[in-house]
């Protein structure tokens, strides 16, 4: 991950590093120093640069004092024994950094025969795709159940995905919006790269948190009005979000436990991911959830890739406080959602209460 990017003779001096102790320093995209050793502590990168106005090369020294948890990086750039710049970076700075955008290229003018290409581009437009997918989702769920239920399901999905979008924007990330995918649910798409495990946790859990709020509102409205439709909305939405919080990749719950585990160490991260996958296999077999089996296949690939490139991870680990907050938030959200289902399940003779599990099995 990028730890530091400062100016040196008008060009970028960029330091990359990993919690395993590896560091690499580049000047103008040219690697000038590499270090391997203890993750925490002092490291000094020394290299020489050629200066046109001098007969001898200039010695440059970058001194780094780093602590990973909680993340604190003190740096000092020294050129020929003169301190040029110094400072400190913390987790918040890593969280807010953005990759350098390439220079914009000139657009090719539309040619006379380009109407077909223009139509193709319009079809690929994000807005057009969103409308088409939303319409297909309403049609698919209306065909399976009813139009009223389809609207309620779309509401649950949109509220859930909107929670992800709000979290992305809270971190200053660029978003492409919400895509509804027939028979699979929804997807909140970001145009930016994450920098920390904490960002991954918050973005992942905010979807179920917004879903929890919707279930609470529907539950309260049901208690006030007695409308069974509101009870069905509350319990189905709660079950939908609990399903999403299963500790299985690529579900939100899987991303949460992966971030917590890998923030401790790579082996713990691998163990919790494999344990989550094993739980998913059991649930998929016991309840006959075919969709979960498909997700497990995708999640297995993610587990392999995460472990394979663990030393090149671009995500800053959470400190102990962040891990505890993430775990409590995760368990509390599940508890509230499960509580709503348990309370409404007392009216077990109501077929509305049996509908959610039936839908998931289908």
Protein backbone atom coordinates (compact mmCIF):
# COMPACT_ATOMS: atom_id res chain seq x y z
CA UNK A 1 0.00 0.00 0.00
CA UNK A 2 1.08 3.60 -0.47
CA UNK A 3 2.41 4.98 2.80
CA UNK A 4 3.88 8.28 1.66
CA UNK A 5 4.02 10.42 -1.47
CA UNK A 6 6.04 13.66 -1.30
CA UNK A 7 7.85 15.95 -3.70
CA UNK A 8 11.57 15.51 -4.31
CA UNK A 9 13.23 17.71 -6.95
CA UNK A 10 9.86 18.29 -8.61
CA UNK A 11 9.07 14.60 -8.92
CA UNK A 12 7.13 12.10 -6.84
CA UNK A 13 8.95 10.24 -4.07
CA UNK A 14 6.60 7.37 -3.22
CA UNK A 15 6.93 4.89 -0.38
CA UNK A 16 5.02 1.61 -0.43
CA UNK A 17 4.92 -0.88 2.41
CA UNK A 18 3.28 -3.93 3.95
CA UNK A 19 2.57 -4.97 7.56
CA UNK A 20 4.99 -7.87 7.07
CA UNK A 21 7.90 -5.39 7.04
CA UNK A 22 8.46 -4.90 3.32
CA UNK A 23 9.07 -1.35 2.04
CA UNK A 24 9.85 0.01 -1.42
CA UNK A 25 10.79 3.56 -2.33
CA UNK A 26 10.32 4.93 -5.86
CA UNK A 27 11.37 8.26 -7.34
CA UNK A 28 9.62 9.21 -10.57
CA UNK A 29 8.45 5.59 -11.02
CA UNK A 30 12.05 4.33 -10.63
CA UNK A 31 12.73 2.02 -7.68
CA UNK A 32 15.59 3.54 -5.65
CA UNK A 33 15.46 1.58 -2.38
CA UNK A 34 13.96 -1.55 -0.85
CA UNK A 35 13.91 -2.69 2.76
CA UNK A 36 12.83 -5.89 4.50
CA UNK A 37 12.75 -6.44 8.24
CA UNK A 38 10.61 -5.81 11.32
CA UNK A 39 7.26 -4.21 10.49
CA UNK A 40 7.56 -1.55 13.19
CA UNK A 41 10.48 0.72 13.90
CA UNK A 42 13.00 2.92 12.14
CA UNK A 43 14.05 2.38 8.53
CA UNK A 44 16.38 4.63 6.56
CA UNK A 45 16.25 4.67 2.75
CA UNK A 46 19.40 6.11 1.18
CA UNK A 47 19.92 6.65 -2.54
CA UNK A 48 21.78 9.00 -4.89
CA UNK A 49 20.41 11.20 -7.67
CA UNK A 50 22.27 12.78 -10.55
CA UNK A 51 22.09 16.58 -10.71
CA UNK A 52 23.00 18.24 -14.06
CA UNK A 53 24.68 21.17 -12.33
CA UNK A 54 27.03 19.06 -10.22
CA UNK A 55 29.89 16.72 -10.91
CA UNK A 56 28.90 14.29 -8.14
CA UNK A 57 25.55 12.70 -7.36
CA UNK A 58 23.36 14.04 -4.55
CA UNK A 59 22.71 11.86 -1.53
CA UNK A 60 19.04 11.63 -0.52
CA UNK A 61 17.91 10.06 2.74
CA UNK A 62 14.34 9.28 3.76
CA UNK A 63 14.00 8.36 7.43
CA UNK A 64 10.85 6.44 8.37
CA UNK A 65 9.67 5.60 11.89
CA UNK A 66 6.59 3.41 11.51
CA UNK A 67 4.06 1.78 13.82
CA UNK A 68 1.27 -0.22 12.22
CA UNK A 69 -1.27 -0.53 15.06
CA UNK A 70 -2.41 2.12 15.65
CA UNK A 71 -0.89 3.40 12.42
CA UNK A 72 1.58 6.27 12.88
CA UNK A 73 4.31 7.16 10.39
CA UNK A 74 6.91 9.84 11.15
CA UNK A 75 9.09 10.81 8.21
CA UNK A 76 11.97 13.12 7.42
CA UNK A 77 13.50 13.84 4.01
CA UNK A 78 17.16 14.82 4.18
CA UNK A 79 19.19 15.96 1.17
CA UNK A 80 22.94 16.34 1.78
CA UNK A 81 22.43 16.62 5.55
CA UNK A 82 19.75 19.32 5.19
CA UNK A 83 16.21 18.52 6.32
CA UNK A 84 13.91 19.36 3.41
CA UNK A 85 10.60 18.25 4.84
CA UNK A 86 9.23 16.22 7.73
CA UNK A 87 5.84 15.26 9.11
CA UNK A 88 3.55 12.57 10.43
CA UNK A 89 0.82 10.44 8.87
CA UNK A 90 -1.92 8.54 10.68
CA UNK A 91 -4.69 6.16 9.62
CA UNK A 92 -6.97 9.05 8.67
CA UNK A 93 -4.42 10.26 6.11
CA UNK A 94 -4.21 6.81 4.52
CA UNK A 95 -7.99 6.61 4.49
CA UNK A 96 -8.33 9.90 2.60
CA UNK A 97 -5.58 9.48 0.02
CA UNK A 98 -6.61 9.02 -3.58
CA UNK A 99 -4.68 7.55 -6.53
CA UNK A 100 -3.31 10.00 -9.06
CA UNK A 101 -5.65 10.31 -12.03
CA UNK A 102 -4.09 9.98 -15.48
CA UNK A 103 -4.22 12.97 -17.78
CA UNK A 104 -7.37 13.22 -19.83
CA UNK A 105 -7.06 12.28 -23.47
CA UNK A 106 -8.73 14.11 -26.31
CA UNK A 107 -11.97 12.61 -27.57
CA UNK A 108 -12.29 11.29 -31.10
CA UNK A 109 -14.91 13.22 -33.09
CA UNK A 110 -18.02 11.36 -34.16
CA UNK A 111 -17.83 10.18 -37.75
CA UNK A 112 -20.80 10.05 -40.14
CA UNK A 113 -21.18 6.31 -39.65
CA UNK A 114 -20.90 6.71 -35.85
CA UNK A 115 -24.65 6.69 -35.14
CA UNK A 116 -24.49 2.95 -34.61
CA UNK A 117 -21.55 3.36 -32.25
CA UNK A 118 -23.39 6.14 -30.45
CA UNK A 119 -26.37 3.87 -29.95
CA UNK A 120 -24.09 1.16 -28.59
CA UNK A 121 -22.54 3.64 -26.16
CA UNK A 122 -26.02 4.71 -25.08
CA UNK A 123 -26.91 1.10 -24.40
CA UNK A 124 -23.76 0.78 -22.29
CA UNK A 125 -24.63 3.94 -20.40
CA UNK A 126 -24.87 3.35 -16.66
CA UNK A 127 -28.24 5.10 -16.44
CA UNK A 128 -29.74 2.98 -19.20
CA UNK A 129 -28.40 -0.21 -17.62
CA UNK A 130 -29.81 0.76 -14.23
CA UNK A 131 -33.28 1.39 -15.70
CA UNK A 132 -33.23 -1.86 -17.69
CA UNK A 133 -32.09 -3.92 -14.69
CA UNK A 134 -34.62 -2.25 -12.37
CA UNK A 135 -37.44 -2.97 -14.82
CA UNK A 136 -36.28 -6.56 -15.26
CA UNK A 137 -36.14 -7.02 -11.47
CA UNK A 138 -39.70 -5.73 -10.98
CA UNK A 139 -40.92 -7.94 -13.81
CA UNK A 140 -39.10 -11.02 -12.50
CA UNK A 141 -40.31 -10.69 -8.93
CA UNK A 142 -43.85 -9.81 -10.07
CA UNK A 143 -43.89 -12.97 -12.17
CA UNK A 144 -42.66 -15.09 -9.25
CA UNK A 145 -44.86 -13.53 -6.56
CA UNK A 146 -46.95 -10.40 -7.08
CA UNK A 147 -46.47 -6.81 -8.14
CA UNK A 148 -47.01 -5.56 -4.59
CA UNK A 149 -44.41 -7.95 -3.21
CA UNK A 150 -42.00 -7.04 -6.00
CA UNK A 151 -42.21 -3.37 -5.03
CA UNK A 152 -41.64 -4.25 -1.36
CA UNK A 153 -38.61 -6.39 -2.27
CA UNK A 154 -37.15 -3.65 -4.46
CA UNK A 155 -37.60 -1.23 -1.55
CA UNK A 156 -35.64 -3.58 0.75
CA UNK A 157 -32.84 -3.94 -1.78
CA UNK A 158 -32.60 -0.23 -2.55
CA UNK A 159 -32.51 0.76 1.15
CA UNK A 160 -29.80 -1.84 1.79
CA UNK A 161 -27.64 -0.75 -1.13
CA UNK A 162 -28.22 2.92 -0.31
CA UNK A 163 -26.55 2.23 3.04
CA UNK A 164 -23.45 1.09 1.17
CA UNK A 165 -23.55 4.16 -1.06
CA UNK A 166 -23.87 6.53 1.91
CA UNK A 167 -20.83 4.94 3.55
CA UNK A 168 -18.81 5.24 0.34
CA UNK A 169 -19.66 8.92 0.03
CA UNK A 170 -18.88 9.44 3.71
CA UNK A 171 -15.33 8.33 2.94
CA UNK A 172 -15.18 10.56 -0.12
CA UNK A 173 -15.26 7.69 -2.61
CA UNK A 174 -16.70 8.12 -6.08
CA UNK A 175 -19.81 5.99 -6.67
CA UNK A 176 -21.60 4.72 -9.76
CA UNK A 177 -24.88 4.09 -7.98
CA UNK A 178 -27.11 1.09 -7.35
CA UNK A 179 -27.70 -1.76 -9.79
CA UNK A 180 -30.63 -4.15 -9.25
CA UNK A 181 -29.89 -7.63 -10.53
CA UNK A 182 -32.89 -9.94 -11.17
CA UNK A 183 -32.99 -13.02 -8.89
CA UNK A 184 -29.70 -12.04 -7.20
CA UNK A 185 -30.47 -8.76 -5.39
CA UNK A 186 -28.59 -5.50 -5.74
CA UNK A 187 -25.11 -4.07 -6.05
CA UNK A 188 -23.65 -0.75 -4.93
CA UNK A 189 -20.76 0.15 -7.22
CA UNK A 190 -17.83 2.39 -6.34
CA UNK A 191 -15.43 4.02 -8.77
CA UNK A 192 -12.69 4.42 -6.16
CA UNK A 193 -10.21 2.15 -4.42
CA UNK A 194 -10.37 1.38 -0.70
CA UNK A 195 -7.35 2.18 1.44
CA UNK A 196 -8.15 0.65 4.85
CA UNK A 197 -9.83 -2.41 6.37
CA UNK A 198 -11.97 -0.03 8.43
CA UNK A 199 -13.45 1.42 5.24
CA UNK A 200 -14.27 -2.10 4.08
CA UNK A 201 -16.04 -2.89 7.37
CA UNK A 202 -18.10 0.32 7.48
CA UNK A 203 -19.14 0.13 3.83
CA UNK A 204 -20.06 -3.55 4.20
CA UNK A 205 -22.08 -3.19 7.40
CA UNK A 206 -23.92 0.02 6.53
CA UNK A 207 -26.13 -1.87 4.06
CA UNK A 208 -27.48 -4.25 6.74
CA UNK A 209 -27.64 -1.34 9.21
CA UNK A 210 -29.95 0.61 6.89
CA UNK A 211 -31.90 -2.60 6.33
CA UNK A 212 -32.23 -3.00 10.10
CA UNK A 213 -33.64 0.52 10.38
CA UNK A 214 -36.23 -0.31 7.70
CA UNK A 215 -37.29 -3.45 9.61
CA UNK A 216 -37.59 -1.49 12.86
CA UNK A 217 -39.78 1.14 11.17
CA UNK A 218 -41.97 -1.53 9.54
CA UNK A 219 -42.24 -3.42 12.84
CA UNK A 220 -43.33 -0.30 14.74
CA UNK A 221 -45.83 0.57 11.99
CA UNK A 222 -47.23 -2.98 12.19
CA UNK A 223 -47.66 -2.71 15.96
CA UNK A 224 -49.55 0.57 15.48
CA UNK A 225 -51.72 -0.36 12.48
CA UNK A 226 -51.93 -4.16 12.63
CA UNK A 227 -51.34 -4.41 8.86
CA UNK A 228 -49.94 -7.85 8.05
CA UNK A 229 -48.17 -6.47 4.99
CA UNK A 230 -45.94 -4.39 7.27
CA UNK A 231 -45.19 -7.46 9.40
CA UNK A 232 -44.23 -9.36 6.28
CA UNK A 233 -42.00 -6.49 5.15
CA UNK A 234 -40.30 -6.31 8.55
CA UNK A 235 -39.59 -10.03 8.83
CA UNK A 236 -38.59 -10.56 5.21
CA UNK A 237 -36.27 -7.56 5.22
CA UNK A 238 -34.75 -8.73 8.52
CA UNK A 239 -34.11 -12.22 7.16
CA UNK A 240 -32.72 -10.81 3.92
CA UNK A 241 -30.17 -8.75 5.85
CA UNK A 242 -29.29 -11.57 8.26
CA UNK A 243 -28.63 -13.73 5.22
CA UNK A 244 -26.34 -11.00 3.92
CA UNK A 245 -24.51 -10.88 7.27
CA UNK A 246 -23.55 -14.56 7.18
CA UNK A 247 -19.74 -14.74 7.63
CA UNK A 248 -19.33 -15.97 4.09
CA UNK A 249 -17.54 -14.32 1.19
CA UNK A 250 -18.62 -12.49 -0.94
CA UNK A 251 -21.52 -11.48 1.35
CA UNK A 252 -21.21 -8.38 3.53
CA UNK A 253 -20.68 -10.51 6.63
CA UNK A 254 -17.79 -12.28 4.95
CA UNK A 255 -16.07 -8.98 4.18
CA UNK A 256 -16.53 -7.86 7.78
CA UNK A 257 -14.98 -10.93 9.40
CA UNK A 258 -12.25 -11.01 6.74
CA UNK A 259 -11.27 -7.44 7.58
CA UNK A 260 -11.27 -8.20 11.31
CA UNK A 261 -9.27 -11.40 10.88
CA UNK A 262 -6.65 -10.01 8.49
CA UNK A 263 -6.23 -6.96 10.74
CA UNK A 264 -4.92 -9.35 13.41
CA UNK A 265 -2.65 -11.39 11.14
CA UNK A 266 -2.78 -13.23 7.85
CA UNK A 267 -3.24 -16.68 9.39
CA UNK A 268 -6.20 -15.55 11.50
CA UNK A 269 -7.74 -13.96 8.42
CA UNK A 270 -7.41 -17.19 6.47
CA UNK A 271 -8.86 -19.28 9.31
CA UNK A 272 -11.97 -17.12 9.78
CA UNK A 273 -12.59 -17.05 6.01
CA UNK A 274 -12.34 -20.84 5.74
CA UNK A 275 -14.53 -21.28 8.83
CA UNK A 276 -17.13 -18.99 7.28
CA UNK A 277 -17.05 -20.98 4.05
CA UNK A 278 -17.51 -24.24 6.00
CA UNK A 279 -20.52 -22.73 7.79
CA UNK A 280 -21.90 -21.68 4.42
CA UNK A 281 -21.59 -25.22 3.06
CA UNK A 282 -23.51 -26.55 6.05
CA UNK A 283 -26.29 -23.95 5.80
CA UNK A 284 -26.58 -24.40 2.05
CA UNK A 285 -26.96 -28.17 2.46
CA UNK A 286 -29.24 -28.04 5.52
CA UNK A 287 -31.68 -25.46 4.15
CA UNK A 288 -31.36 -26.26 0.47
CA UNK A 289 -30.19 -22.74 -0.47
CA UNK A 290 -28.92 -23.14 -4.02
CA UNK A 291 -28.03 -19.45 -4.31
CA UNK A 292 -25.72 -19.73 -1.30
CA UNK A 293 -23.87 -22.57 -3.00
CA UNK A 294 -23.21 -20.35 -6.01
CA UNK A 295 -21.98 -17.54 -3.77
CA UNK A 296 -19.66 -19.97 -1.95
CA UNK A 297 -17.94 -20.80 -5.24
CA UNK A 298 -17.30 -17.09 -5.86
CA UNK A 299 -16.19 -16.60 -2.25
CA UNK A 300 -13.71 -19.47 -2.47
CA UNK A 301 -11.90 -17.69 -5.27
CA UNK A 302 -11.78 -14.53 -3.17
CA UNK A 303 -10.27 -16.45 -0.24
CA UNK A 304 -7.56 -17.87 -2.49
CA UNK A 305 -6.72 -14.50 -4.03
CA UNK A 306 -6.67 -12.74 -0.64
CA UNK A 307 -4.20 -15.28 0.75
CA UNK A 308 -2.08 -15.39 -2.37
CA UNK A 309 -1.55 -11.62 -2.45
CA UNK A 310 -1.60 -11.04 1.31
CA UNK A 311 1.89 -9.50 1.29
CA UNK A 312 0.89 -7.01 -1.40
CA UNK A 313 -2.36 -5.93 0.29
CA UNK A 314 -3.27 -2.27 -0.26
CA UNK A 315 -5.52 -2.12 2.81
CA UNK A 316 -4.29 -0.68 6.10
CA UNK A 317 -5.18 -3.06 8.99
CA UNK A 318 -7.45 -1.91 11.81
CA UNK A 319 -6.05 -1.41 15.30
CA UNK A 320 -7.45 -3.34 18.28
CA UNK A 321 -10.08 -0.68 18.98
CA UNK A 322 -11.34 -0.82 15.38
CA UNK A 323 -11.53 -4.61 15.51
CA UNK A 324 -13.61 -4.54 18.71
CA UNK A 325 -15.98 -1.86 17.40
CA UNK A 326 -16.43 -3.82 14.15
CA UNK A 327 -17.21 -7.08 15.97
CA UNK A 328 -19.69 -5.43 18.38
CA UNK A 329 -21.44 -3.57 15.55
CA UNK A 330 -21.67 -6.77 13.51
CA UNK A 331 -23.09 -8.91 16.35
CA UNK A 332 -25.48 -6.19 17.55
CA UNK A 333 -26.95 -5.77 14.06
CA UNK A 334 -27.54 -9.52 13.79
CA UNK A 335 -29.11 -9.58 17.27
CA UNK A 336 -31.59 -6.79 16.47
CA UNK A 337 -32.62 -8.37 13.16
CA UNK A 338 -32.99 -11.80 14.77
CA UNK A 339 -35.04 -10.22 17.57
CA UNK A 340 -37.51 -8.75 15.09
CA UNK A 341 -37.94 -12.14 13.41
CA UNK A 342 -38.36 -13.91 16.77
CA UNK A 343 -41.06 -11.52 17.97
CA UNK A 344 -43.03 -11.70 14.74
CA UNK A 345 -42.58 -15.47 14.50
CA UNK A 346 -44.89 -15.85 17.51
CA UNK A 347 -47.74 -15.55 15.05
CA UNK A 348 -46.54 -18.73 13.38
CA UNK A 349 -49.98 -19.51 11.97
CA UNK A 350 -49.63 -16.52 9.68
CA UNK A 351 -48.31 -17.73 6.30
CA UNK A 352 -46.67 -14.33 5.76
CA UNK A 353 -44.12 -15.27 8.43
CA UNK A 354 -43.18 -18.43 6.52
CA UNK A 355 -42.71 -16.64 3.20
CA UNK A 356 -39.12 -15.34 3.60
CA UNK A 357 -37.46 -18.73 4.10
CA UNK A 358 -39.56 -20.19 1.31
CA UNK A 359 -38.31 -17.45 -1.03
CA UNK A 360 -34.67 -17.95 -0.06
CA UNK A 361 -34.98 -21.67 -0.67
CA UNK A 362 -36.33 -20.93 -4.12
